[in-house]
Amino acid sequence: MLKKILLGRREYKVVAGIGLLSMTREIAEAGVNELIECGEVKPKDAKGIVDSLVQRSEEQKQAIRDMARIEIEQALHDSNFATKEDLEKLSKKIDALVKQSKKG
């Protein structure tokens, strides 16, 4: 499983994708342990590899969240819905008109 994520000699590169996005520390540790058993990874390197995989996974998740937020904001802007700011301004105007009508 993790062999598909780790490429190259003892040096490794992380492949972005669904597998990486669902990477938990436990999954990374299990995969690295398999590689240790096969002799492809030295035990002393295991913690660094696991930490790197988990960090990259979190970075990828955050990048997707950021892209989704940007796309949602753009879609809302393009659809011309009232924003929270718009509603707050409108509410203040209504409050001012109500106060004005009570005076007059």
PDB file of N, CA and C in Angstrom:
ATOM      1  N   MET A   1       0.833  -1.193   0.000  1.00  0.00           N
ATOM      2  CA  MET A   1       0.000   0.000   0.000  1.00  0.00           C
ATOM      3  C   MET A   1       0.873   1.250   0.000  1.00  0.00           C
ATOM      4  N   LEU A   2       1.715   1.389   1.003  1.00  0.00           N
ATOM      5  CA  LEU A   2       2.525   2.599   1.109  1.00  0.00           C
ATOM      6  C   LEU A   2       3.607   2.640   0.034  1.00  0.00           C
ATOM      7  N   LYS A   3       3.926   1.484  -0.536  1.00  0.00           N
ATOM      8  CA  LYS A   3       4.924   1.454  -1.601  1.00  0.00           C
ATOM      9  C   LYS A   3       4.502   2.334  -2.762  1.00  0.00           C
ATOM     10  N   LYS A   4       3.200   2.471  -2.975  1.00  0.00           N
ATOM     11  CA  LYS A   4       2.699   3.318  -4.051  1.00  0.00           C
ATOM     12  C   LYS A   4       2.882   4.787  -3.722  1.00  0.00           C
ATOM     13  N   ILE A   5       2.970   5.107  -2.437  1.00  0.00           N
ATOM     14  CA  ILE A   5       3.129   6.499  -2.020  1.00  0.00           C
ATOM     15  C   ILE A   5       4.610   6.870  -1.946  1.00  0.00           C
ATOM     16  N   LEU A   6       5.423   5.910  -1.515  1.00  0.00           N
ATOM     17  CA  LEU A   6       6.859   6.175  -1.415  1.00  0.00           C
ATOM     18  C   LEU A   6       7.520   5.744  -2.715  1.00  0.00           C
ATOM     19  N   LEU A   7       8.268   6.635  -3.335  1.00  0.00           N
ATOM     20  CA  LEU A   7       8.902   6.331  -4.608  1.00  0.00           C
ATOM     21  C   LEU A   7      10.407   6.486  -4.477  1.00  0.00           C
ATOM     22  N   GLY A   8      11.126   5.864  -5.369  1.00  0.00           N
ATOM     23  CA  GLY A   8      12.550   6.065  -5.423  1.00  0.00           C
ATOM     24  C   GLY A   8      13.304   5.184  -4.451  1.00  0.00           C
ATOM     25  N   ARG A   9      14.583   5.425  -4.331  1.00  0.00           N
ATOM     26  CA  ARG A   9      15.456   4.644  -3.468  1.00  0.00           C
ATOM     27  C   ARG A   9      15.036   4.820  -2.025  1.00  0.00           C
ATOM     28  N   ARG A  10      15.941   5.209  -1.168  1.00  0.00           N
ATOM     29  CA  ARG A  10      15.574   5.432   0.235  1.00  0.00           C
ATOM     30  C   ARG A  10      14.994   6.823   0.401  1.00  0.00           C
ATOM     31  N   GLU A  11      15.197   7.604  -0.602  1.00  0.00           N
ATOM     32  CA  GLU A  11      14.609   8.928  -0.644  1.00  0.00           C
ATOM     33  C   GLU A  11      13.139   8.719  -0.989  1.00  0.00           C
ATOM     34  N   TYR A  12      12.250   9.563  -0.553  1.00  0.00           N
ATOM     35  CA  TYR A  12      10.838   9.354  -0.858  1.00  0.00           C
ATOM     36  C   TYR A  12      10.185  10.646  -1.333  1.00  0.00           C
ATOM     37  N   LYS A  13       9.158  10.451  -2.125  1.00  0.00           N
ATOM     38  CA  LYS A  13       8.347  11.564  -2.606  1.00  0.00           C
ATOM     39  C   LYS A  13       6.904  11.175  -2.345  1.00  0.00           C
ATOM     40  N   VAL A  14       6.104  12.142  -2.004  1.00  0.00           N
ATOM     41  CA  VAL A  14       4.708  11.836  -1.717  1.00  0.00           C
ATOM     42  C   VAL A  14       3.869  12.127  -2.947  1.00  0.00           C
ATOM     43  N   VAL A  15       3.044  11.184  -3.303  1.00  0.00           N
ATOM     44  CA  VAL A  15       2.150  11.343  -4.433  1.00  0.00           C
ATOM     45  C   VAL A  15       0.852  11.938  -3.917  1.00  0.00           C
ATOM     46  N   ALA A  16       0.439  13.081  -4.469  1.00  0.00           N
ATOM     47  CA  ALA A  16      -0.816  13.689  -4.048  1.00  0.00           C
ATOM     48  C   ALA A  16      -1.965  12.862  -4.595  1.00  0.00           C
ATOM     49  N   GLY A  17      -2.987  12.728  -3.818  1.00  0.00           N
ATOM     50  CA  GLY A  17      -4.138  11.962  -4.279  1.00  0.00           C
ATOM     51  C   GLY A  17      -5.017  11.557  -3.131  1.00  0.00           C
ATOM     52  N   ILE A  18      -6.015  10.786  -3.427  1.00  0.00           N
ATOM     53  CA  ILE A  18      -6.996  10.384  -2.431  1.00  0.00           C
ATOM     54  C   ILE A  18      -6.356   9.606  -1.293  1.00  0.00           C
ATOM     55  N   GLY A  19      -5.436   8.710  -1.602  1.00  0.00           N
ATOM     56  CA  GLY A  19      -4.761   7.936  -0.554  1.00  0.00           C
ATOM     57  C   GLY A  19      -4.050   8.830   0.432  1.00  0.00           C
ATOM     58  N   LEU A  20      -3.389   9.846  -0.065  1.00  0.00           N
ATOM     59  CA  LEU A  20      -2.675  10.759   0.810  1.00  0.00           C
ATOM     60  C   LEU A  20      -3.644  11.572   1.652  1.00  0.00           C
ATOM     61  N   LEU A  21      -4.756  11.937   1.076  1.00  0.00           N
ATOM     62  CA  LEU A  21      -5.718  12.752   1.819  1.00  0.00           C
ATOM     63  C   LEU A  21      -6.314  12.000   2.999  1.00  0.00           C
ATOM     64  N   SER A  22      -6.396  10.684   2.880  1.00  0.00           N
ATOM     65  CA  SER A  22      -6.971   9.915   3.967  1.00  0.00           C
ATOM     66  C   SER A  22      -5.892   9.327   4.875  1.00  0.00           C
ATOM     67  N   MET A  23      -4.675   9.775   4.700  1.00  0.00           N
ATOM     68  CA  MET A  23      -3.549   9.250   5.458  1.00  0.00           C
ATOM     69  C   MET A  23      -3.655   9.658   6.932  1.00  0.00           C
ATOM     70  N   THR A  24      -3.696   8.663   7.789  1.00  0.00           N
ATOM     71  CA  THR A  24      -3.640   8.921   9.225  1.00  0.00           C
ATOM     72  C   THR A  24      -2.274   8.457   9.705  1.00  0.00           C
ATOM     73  N   ARG A  25      -1.905   8.879  10.875  1.00  0.00           N
ATOM     74  CA  ARG A  25      -0.624   8.456  11.431  1.00  0.00           C
ATOM     75  C   ARG A  25      -0.562   6.932  11.515  1.00  0.00           C
ATOM     76  N   GLU A  26      -1.669   6.310  11.922  1.00  0.00           N
ATOM     77  CA  GLU A  26      -1.688   4.850  12.072  1.00  0.00           C
ATOM     78  C   GLU A  26      -1.463   4.152  10.732  1.00  0.00           C
ATOM     79  N   ILE A  27      -2.110   4.646   9.688  1.00  0.00           N
ATOM     80  CA  ILE A  27      -1.941   4.051   8.356  1.00  0.00           C
ATOM     81  C   ILE A  27      -0.504   4.243   7.880  1.00  0.00           C
ATOM     82  N   ALA A  28       0.041   5.440   8.080  1.00  0.00           N
ATOM     83  CA  ALA A  28       1.416   5.708   7.665  1.00  0.00           C
ATOM     84  C   ALA A  28       2.388   4.802   8.420  1.00  0.00           C
ATOM     85  N   GLU A  29       2.181   4.656   9.733  1.00  0.00           N
ATOM     86  CA  GLU A  29       3.064   3.800  10.524  1.00  0.00           C
ATOM     87  C   GLU A  29       2.985   2.349  10.063  1.00  0.00           C
ATOM     88  N   ALA A  30       1.772   1.878   9.784  1.00  0.00           N
ATOM     89  CA  ALA A  30       1.606   0.494   9.327  1.00  0.00           C
ATOM     90  C   ALA A  30       2.324   0.277   7.996  1.00  0.00           C
ATOM     91  N   GLY A  31       2.166   1.211   7.093  1.00  0.00           N
ATOM     92  CA  GLY A  31       2.820   1.094   5.789  1.00  0.00           C
ATOM     93  C   GLY A  31       4.328   1.157   5.894  1.00  0.00           C
ATOM     94  N   VAL A  32       4.839   2.061   6.718  1.00  0.00           N
ATOM     95  CA  VAL A  32       6.285   2.178   6.893  1.00  0.00           C
ATOM     96  C   VAL A  32       6.822   0.919   7.570  1.00  0.00           C
ATOM     97  N   ASN A  33       6.071   0.359   8.506  1.00  0.00           N
ATOM     98  CA  ASN A  33       6.498  -0.893   9.142  1.00  0.00           C
ATOM     99  C   ASN A  33       6.607  -2.014   8.118  1.00  0.00           C
ATOM    100  N   GLU A  34       5.687  -2.048   7.165  1.00  0.00           N
ATOM    101  CA  GLU A  34       5.770  -3.042   6.083  1.00  0.00           C
ATOM    102  C   GLU A  34       7.047  -2.852   5.283  1.00  0.00           C
ATOM    103  N   LEU A  35       7.381  -1.588   5.000  1.00  0.00           N
ATOM    104  CA  LEU A  35       8.593  -1.303   4.240  1.00  0.00           C
ATOM    105  C   LEU A  35       9.847  -1.664   5.029  1.00  0.00           C
ATOM    106  N   ILE A  36       9.796  -1.495   6.348  1.00  0.00           N
ATOM    107  CA  ILE A  36      10.923  -1.893   7.195  1.00  0.00           C
ATOM    108  C   ILE A  36      11.105  -3.407   7.116  1.00  0.00           C
ATOM    109  N   GLU A  37      10.000  -4.137   7.207  1.00  0.00           N
ATOM    110  CA  GLU A  37      10.056  -5.600   7.136  1.00  0.00           C
ATOM    111  C   GLU A  37      10.622  -6.075   5.809  1.00  0.00           C
ATOM    112  N   CYS A  38      10.329  -5.355   4.729  1.00  0.00           N
ATOM    113  CA  CYS A  38      10.836  -5.721   3.399  1.00  0.00           C
ATOM    114  C   CYS A  38      12.275  -5.255   3.194  1.00  0.00           C
ATOM    115  N   GLY A  39      12.776  -4.484   4.131  1.00  0.00           N
ATOM    116  CA  GLY A  39      14.138  -3.982   4.010  1.00  0.00           C
ATOM    117  C   GLY A  39      14.270  -2.757   3.132  1.00  0.00           C
ATOM    118  N   GLU A  40      13.169  -2.144   2.781  1.00  0.00           N
ATOM    119  CA  GLU A  40      13.213  -0.969   1.908  1.00  0.00           C
ATOM    120  C   GLU A  40      13.416   0.333   2.683  1.00  0.00           C
ATOM    121  N   VAL A  41      13.178   0.290   3.986  1.00  0.00           N
ATOM    122  CA  VAL A  41      13.342   1.468   4.840  1.00  0.00           C
ATOM    123  C   VAL A  41      14.083   1.033   6.093  1.00  0.00           C
ATOM    124  N   LYS A  42      15.014   1.853   6.540  1.00  0.00           N
ATOM    125  CA  LYS A  42      15.726   1.575   7.785  1.00  0.00           C
ATOM    126  C   LYS A  42      14.847   2.005   8.954  1.00  0.00           C
ATOM    127  N   PRO A  43      14.852   1.235  10.046  1.00  0.00           N
ATOM    128  CA  PRO A  43      14.028   1.599  11.205  1.00  0.00           C
ATOM    129  C   PRO A  43      14.298   3.009  11.727  1.00  0.00           C
ATOM    130  N   LYS A  44      15.558   3.440  11.635  1.00  0.00           N
ATOM    131  CA  LYS A  44      15.887   4.787  12.146  1.00  0.00           C
ATOM    132  C   LYS A  44      15.228   5.896  11.315  1.00  0.00           C
ATOM    133  N   ASP A  45      14.847   5.583  10.070  1.00  0.00           N
ATOM    134  CA  ASP A  45      14.220   6.580   9.198  1.00  0.00           C
ATOM    135  C   ASP A  45      12.694   6.601   9.317  1.00  0.00           C
ATOM    136  N   ALA A  46      12.138   5.619  10.005  1.00  0.00           N
ATOM    137  CA  ALA A  46      10.683   5.435  10.027  1.00  0.00           C
ATOM    138  C   ALA A  46       9.942   6.662  10.548  1.00  0.00           C
ATOM    139  N   LYS A  47      10.359   7.204  11.684  1.00  0.00           N
ATOM    140  CA  LYS A  47       9.630   8.331  12.281  1.00  0.00           C
ATOM    141  C   LYS A  47       9.606   9.531  11.338  1.00  0.00           C
ATOM    142  N   GLY A  48      10.723   9.819  10.708  1.00  0.00           N
ATOM    143  CA  GLY A  48      10.782  10.946   9.782  1.00  0.00           C
ATOM    144  C   GLY A  48       9.868  10.754   8.586  1.00  0.00           C
ATOM    145  N   ILE A  49       9.828   9.536   8.078  1.00  0.00           N
ATOM    146  CA  ILE A  49       8.967   9.251   6.930  1.00  0.00           C
ATOM    147  C   ILE A  49       7.506   9.387   7.326  1.00  0.00           C
ATOM    148  N   VAL A  50       7.137   8.819   8.470  1.00  0.00           N
ATOM    149  CA  VAL A  50       5.754   8.902   8.945  1.00  0.00           C
ATOM    150  C   VAL A  50       5.367  10.360   9.168  1.00  0.00           C
ATOM    151  N   ASP A  51       6.228  11.101   9.848  1.00  0.00           N
ATOM    152  CA  ASP A  51       5.937  12.519  10.103  1.00  0.00           C
ATOM    153  C   ASP A  51       5.744  13.284   8.804  1.00  0.00           C
ATOM    154  N   SER A  52       6.602  13.005   7.825  1.00  0.00           N
ATOM    155  CA  SER A  52       6.505  13.691   6.539  1.00  0.00           C
ATOM    156  C   SER A  52       5.204  13.345   5.818  1.00  0.00           C
ATOM    157  N   LEU A  53       4.838  12.070   5.830  1.00  0.00           N
ATOM    158  CA  LEU A  53       3.590  11.656   5.179  1.00  0.00           C
ATOM    159  C   LEU A  53       2.384  12.317   5.823  1.00  0.00           C
ATOM    160  N   VAL A  54       2.352  12.333   7.145  1.00  0.00           N
ATOM    161  CA  VAL A  54       1.222  12.930   7.855  1.00  0.00           C
ATOM    162  C   VAL A  54       1.170  14.435   7.589  1.00  0.00           C
ATOM    163  N   GLN A  55       2.333  15.087   7.610  1.00  0.00           N
ATOM    164  CA  GLN A  55       2.375  16.522   7.341  1.00  0.00           C
ATOM    165  C   GLN A  55       1.886  16.834   5.930  1.00  0.00           C
ATOM    166  N   ARG A  56       2.361  16.074   4.945  1.00  0.00           N
ATOM    167  CA  ARG A  56       1.922  16.306   3.570  1.00  0.00           C
ATOM    168  C   ARG A  56       0.431  16.066   3.418  1.00  0.00           C
ATOM    169  N   SER A  57      -0.072  15.056   4.113  1.00  0.00           N
ATOM    170  CA  SER A  57      -1.501  14.773   4.079  1.00  0.00           C
ATOM    171  C   SER A  57      -2.292  15.970   4.598  1.00  0.00           C
ATOM    172  N   GLU A  58      -1.857  16.514   5.720  1.00  0.00           N
ATOM    173  CA  GLU A  58      -2.536  17.685   6.285  1.00  0.00           C
ATOM    174  C   GLU A  58      -2.434  18.888   5.357  1.00  0.00           C
ATOM    175  N   GLU A  59      -1.277  19.075   4.730  1.00  0.00           N
ATOM    176  CA  GLU A  59      -1.113  20.191   3.791  1.00  0.00           C
ATOM    177  C   GLU A  59      -2.054  20.043   2.603  1.00  0.00           C
ATOM    178  N   GLN A  60      -2.185  18.828   2.094  1.00  0.00           N
ATOM    179  CA  GLN A  60      -3.083  18.585   0.965  1.00  0.00           C
ATOM    180  C   GLN A  60      -4.537  18.825   1.359  1.00  0.00           C
ATOM    181  N   LYS A  61      -4.912  18.365   2.553  1.00  0.00           N
ATOM    182  CA  LYS A  61      -6.285  18.591   3.025  1.00  0.00           C
ATOM    183  C   LYS A  61      -6.568  20.082   3.135  1.00  0.00           C
ATOM    184  N   GLN A  62      -5.611  20.832   3.692  1.00  0.00           N
ATOM    185  CA  GLN A  62      -5.803  22.274   3.836  1.00  0.00           C
ATOM    186  C   GLN A  62      -5.887  22.952   2.478  1.00  0.00           C
ATOM    187  N   ALA A  63      -5.074  22.520   1.529  1.00  0.00           N
ATOM    188  CA  ALA A  63      -5.111  23.103   0.184  1.00  0.00           C
ATOM    189  C   ALA A  63      -6.470  22.879  -0.458  1.00  0.00           C
ATOM    190  N   ILE A  64      -7.033  21.695  -0.267  1.00  0.00           N
ATOM    191  CA  ILE A  64      -8.355  21.406  -0.833  1.00  0.00           C
ATOM    192  C   ILE A  64      -9.422  22.241  -0.135  1.00  0.00           C
ATOM    193  N   ARG A  65      -9.317  22.379   1.189  1.00  0.00           N
ATOM    194  CA  ARG A  65     -10.274  23.234   1.916  1.00  0.00           C
ATOM    195  C   ARG A  65     -10.217  24.663   1.390  1.00  0.00           C
ATOM    196  N   ASP A  66      -8.991  25.174   1.197  1.00  0.00           N
ATOM    197  CA  ASP A  66      -8.820  26.540   0.707  1.00  0.00           C
ATOM    198  C   ASP A  66      -9.423  26.701  -0.692  1.00  0.00           C
ATOM    199  N   MET A  67      -9.159  25.732  -1.565  1.00  0.00           N
ATOM    200  CA  MET A  67      -9.718  25.802  -2.921  1.00  0.00           C
ATOM    201  C   MET A  67     -11.245  25.752  -2.872  1.00  0.00           C
ATOM    202  N   ALA A  68     -11.793  24.886  -2.022  1.00  0.00           N
ATOM    203  CA  ALA A  68     -13.250  24.774  -1.915  1.00  0.00           C
ATOM    204  C   ALA A  68     -13.845  26.088  -1.410  1.00  0.00           C
ATOM    205  N   ARG A  69     -13.207  26.690  -0.397  1.00  0.00           N
ATOM    206  CA  ARG A  69     -13.695  27.965   0.154  1.00  0.00           C
ATOM    207  C   ARG A  69     -13.700  29.043  -0.922  1.00  0.00           C
ATOM    208  N   ILE A  70     -12.626  29.123  -1.684  1.00  0.00           N
ATOM    209  CA  ILE A  70     -12.532  30.127  -2.750  1.00  0.00           C
ATOM    210  C   ILE A  70     -13.623  29.899  -3.798  1.00  0.00           C
ATOM    211  N   GLU A  71     -13.814  28.652  -4.195  1.00  0.00           N
ATOM    212  CA  GLU A  71     -14.838  28.343  -5.199  1.00  0.00           C
ATOM    213  C   GLU A  71     -16.240  28.659  -4.687  1.00  0.00           C
ATOM    214  N   ILE A  72     -16.501  28.344  -3.425  1.00  0.00           N
ATOM    215  CA  ILE A  72     -17.821  28.622  -2.837  1.00  0.00           C
ATOM    216  C   ILE A  72     -18.050  30.123  -2.763  1.00  0.00           C
ATOM    217  N   GLU A  73     -17.022  30.857  -2.300  1.00  0.00           N
ATOM    218  CA  GLU A  73     -17.159  32.318  -2.226  1.00  0.00           C
ATOM    219  C   GLU A  73     -17.421  32.911  -3.609  1.00  0.00           C
ATOM    220  N   GLN A  74     -16.718  32.408  -4.615  1.00  0.00           N
ATOM    221  CA  GLN A  74     -16.902  32.921  -5.973  1.00  0.00           C
ATOM    222  C   GLN A  74     -18.309  32.590  -6.487  1.00  0.00           C
ATOM    223  N   ALA A  75     -18.773  31.383  -6.210  1.00  0.00           N
ATOM    224  CA  ALA A  75     -20.117  30.985  -6.657  1.00  0.00           C
ATOM    225  C   ALA A  75     -21.178  31.851  -5.979  1.00  0.00           C
ATOM    226  N   LEU A  76     -21.008  32.109  -4.687  1.00  0.00           N
ATOM    227  CA  LEU A  76     -21.969  32.967  -3.982  1.00  0.00           C
ATOM    228  C   LEU A  76     -21.934  34.390  -4.532  1.00  0.00           C
ATOM    229  N   HIS A  77     -20.734  34.876  -4.812  1.00  0.00           N
ATOM    230  CA  HIS A  77     -20.599  36.226  -5.378  1.00  0.00           C
ATOM    231  C   HIS A  77     -21.266  36.297  -6.752  1.00  0.00           C
ATOM    232  N   ASP A  78     -21.012  35.287  -7.569  1.00  0.00           N
ATOM    233  CA  ASP A  78     -21.572  35.260  -8.919  1.00  0.00           C
ATOM    234  C   ASP A  78     -23.096  35.114  -8.913  1.00  0.00           C
ATOM    235  N   SER A  79     -23.638  34.477  -7.891  1.00  0.00           N
ATOM    236  CA  SER A  79     -25.083  34.247  -7.843  1.00  0.00           C
ATOM    237  C   SER A  79     -25.829  35.472  -7.312  1.00  0.00           C
ATOM    238  N   ASN A  80     -25.081  36.464  -6.854  1.00  0.00           N
ATOM    239  CA  ASN A  80     -25.667  37.729  -6.421  1.00  0.00           C
ATOM    240  C   ASN A  80     -26.546  37.590  -5.173  1.00  0.00           C
ATOM    241  N   PHE A  81     -26.235  36.652  -4.298  1.00  0.00           N
ATOM    242  CA  PHE A  81     -26.942  36.537  -3.021  1.00  0.00           C
ATOM    243  C   PHE A  81     -26.509  37.669  -2.109  1.00  0.00           C
ATOM    244  N   ALA A  82     -27.380  38.053  -1.209  1.00  0.00           N
ATOM    245  CA  ALA A  82     -27.032  39.064  -0.213  1.00  0.00           C
ATOM    246  C   ALA A  82     -26.020  38.458   0.762  1.00  0.00           C
ATOM    247  N   THR A  83     -25.013  39.257   1.093  1.00  0.00           N
ATOM    248  CA  THR A  83     -24.009  38.800   2.047  1.00  0.00           C
ATOM    249  C   THR A  83     -24.444  39.165   3.458  1.00  0.00           C
ATOM    250  N   LYS A  84     -23.738  38.657   4.424  1.00  0.00           N
ATOM    251  CA  LYS A  84     -24.014  38.995   5.824  1.00  0.00           C
ATOM    252  C   LYS A  84     -23.876  40.510   6.019  1.00  0.00           C
ATOM    253  N   GLU A  85     -22.850  41.076   5.389  1.00  0.00           N
ATOM    254  CA  GLU A  85     -22.653  42.530   5.463  1.00  0.00           C
ATOM    255  C   GLU A  85     -23.847  43.283   4.883  1.00  0.00           C
ATOM    256  N   ASP A  86     -24.337  42.819   3.739  1.00  0.00           N
ATOM    257  CA  ASP A  86     -25.495  43.452   3.108  1.00  0.00           C
ATOM    258  C   ASP A  86     -26.694  43.430   4.052  1.00  0.00           C
ATOM    259  N   LEU A  87     -26.927  42.282   4.681  1.00  0.00           N
ATOM    260  CA  LEU A  87     -28.074  42.154   5.585  1.00  0.00           C
ATOM    261  C   LEU A  87     -27.915  43.025   6.820  1.00  0.00           C
ATOM    262  N   GLU A  88     -26.691  43.137   7.329  1.00  0.00           N
ATOM    263  CA  GLU A  88     -26.448  44.002   8.492  1.00  0.00           C
ATOM    264  C   GLU A  88     -26.697  45.464   8.141  1.00  0.00           C
ATOM    265  N   LYS A  89     -26.251  45.898   6.968  1.00  0.00           N
ATOM    266  CA  LYS A  89     -26.488  47.280   6.523  1.00  0.00           C
ATOM    267  C   LYS A  89     -27.986  47.540   6.377  1.00  0.00           C
ATOM    268  N   LEU A  90     -28.675  46.577   5.782  1.00  0.00           N
ATOM    269  CA  LEU A  90     -30.112  46.715   5.592  1.00  0.00           C
ATOM    270  C   LEU A  90     -30.836  46.778   6.942  1.00  0.00           C
ATOM    271  N   SER A  91     -30.409  45.958   7.873  1.00  0.00           N
ATOM    272  CA  SER A  91     -31.010  45.952   9.199  1.00  0.00           C
ATOM    273  C   SER A  91     -30.823  47.307   9.887  1.00  0.00           C
ATOM    274  N   LYS A  92     -29.643  47.904   9.752  1.00  0.00           N
ATOM    275  CA  LYS A  92     -29.382  49.218  10.344  1.00  0.00           C
ATOM    276  C   LYS A  92     -30.265  50.292   9.711  1.00  0.00           C
ATOM    277  N   LYS A  93     -30.440  50.196   8.401  1.00  0.00           N
ATOM    278  CA  LYS A  93     -31.303  51.158   7.715  1.00  0.00           C
ATOM    279  C   LYS A  93     -32.745  51.009   8.187  1.00  0.00           C
ATOM    280  N   ILE A  94     -33.210  49.785   8.359  1.00  0.00           N
ATOM    281  CA  ILE A  94     -34.580  49.546   8.838  1.00  0.00           C
ATOM    282  C   ILE A  94     -34.738  50.092  10.244  1.00  0.00           C
ATOM    283  N   ASP A  95     -33.743  49.821  11.100  1.00  0.00           N
ATOM    284  CA  ASP A  95     -33.795  50.341  12.473  1.00  0.00           C
ATOM    285  C   ASP A  95     -33.878  51.869  12.469  1.00  0.00           C
ATOM    286  N   ALA A  96     -33.102  52.515  11.619  1.00  0.00           N
ATOM    287  CA  ALA A  96     -33.096  53.971  11.536  1.00  0.00           C
ATOM    288  C   ALA A  96     -34.463  54.474  11.052  1.00  0.00           C
ATOM    289  N   LEU A  97     -35.051  53.805  10.073  1.00  0.00           N
ATOM    290  CA  LEU A  97     -36.367  54.210   9.567  1.00  0.00           C
ATOM    291  C   LEU A  97     -37.453  54.020  10.623  1.00  0.00           C
ATOM    292  N   VAL A  98     -37.369  52.934  11.386  1.00  0.00           N
ATOM    293  CA  VAL A  98     -38.355  52.704  12.460  1.00  0.00           C
ATOM    294  C   VAL A  98     -38.245  53.815  13.499  1.00  0.00           C
ATOM    295  N   LYS A  99     -37.015  54.152  13.891  1.00  0.00           N
ATOM    296  CA  LYS A  99     -36.823  55.230  14.880  1.00  0.00           C
ATOM    297  C   LYS A  99     -37.364  56.548  14.342  1.00  0.00           C
ATOM    298  N   GLN A 100     -37.083  56.804  13.082  1.00  0.00           N
ATOM    299  CA  GLN A 100     -37.531  58.047  12.455  1.00  0.00           C
ATOM    300  C   GLN A 100     -39.055  58.110  12.397  1.00  0.00           C
ATOM    301  N   SER A 101     -39.708  56.988  12.083  1.00  0.00           N
ATOM    302  CA  SER A 101     -41.159  56.988  11.969  1.00  0.00           C
ATOM    303  C   SER A 101     -41.815  57.146  13.338  1.00  0.00           C
ATOM    304  N   LYS A 102     -41.171  56.710  14.402  1.00  0.00           N
ATOM    305  CA  LYS A 102     -41.729  56.869  15.763  1.00  0.00           C
ATOM    306  C   LYS A 102     -41.653  58.316  16.209  1.00  0.00           C
ATOM    307  N   LYS A 103     -40.665  59.065  15.714  1.00  0.00           N
ATOM    308  CA  LYS A 103     -40.506  60.464  16.082  1.00  0.00           C
ATOM    309  C   LYS A 103     -41.547  61.329  15.358  1.00  0.00           C
ATOM    310  N   GLY A 104     -41.876  60.947  14.169  1.00  0.00           N
ATOM    311  CA  GLY A 104     -42.733  61.787  13.334  1.00  0.00           C
ATOM    312  C   GLY A 104     -44.140  61.398  13.408  1.00  0.00           C
TER     313      GLY A 104
END
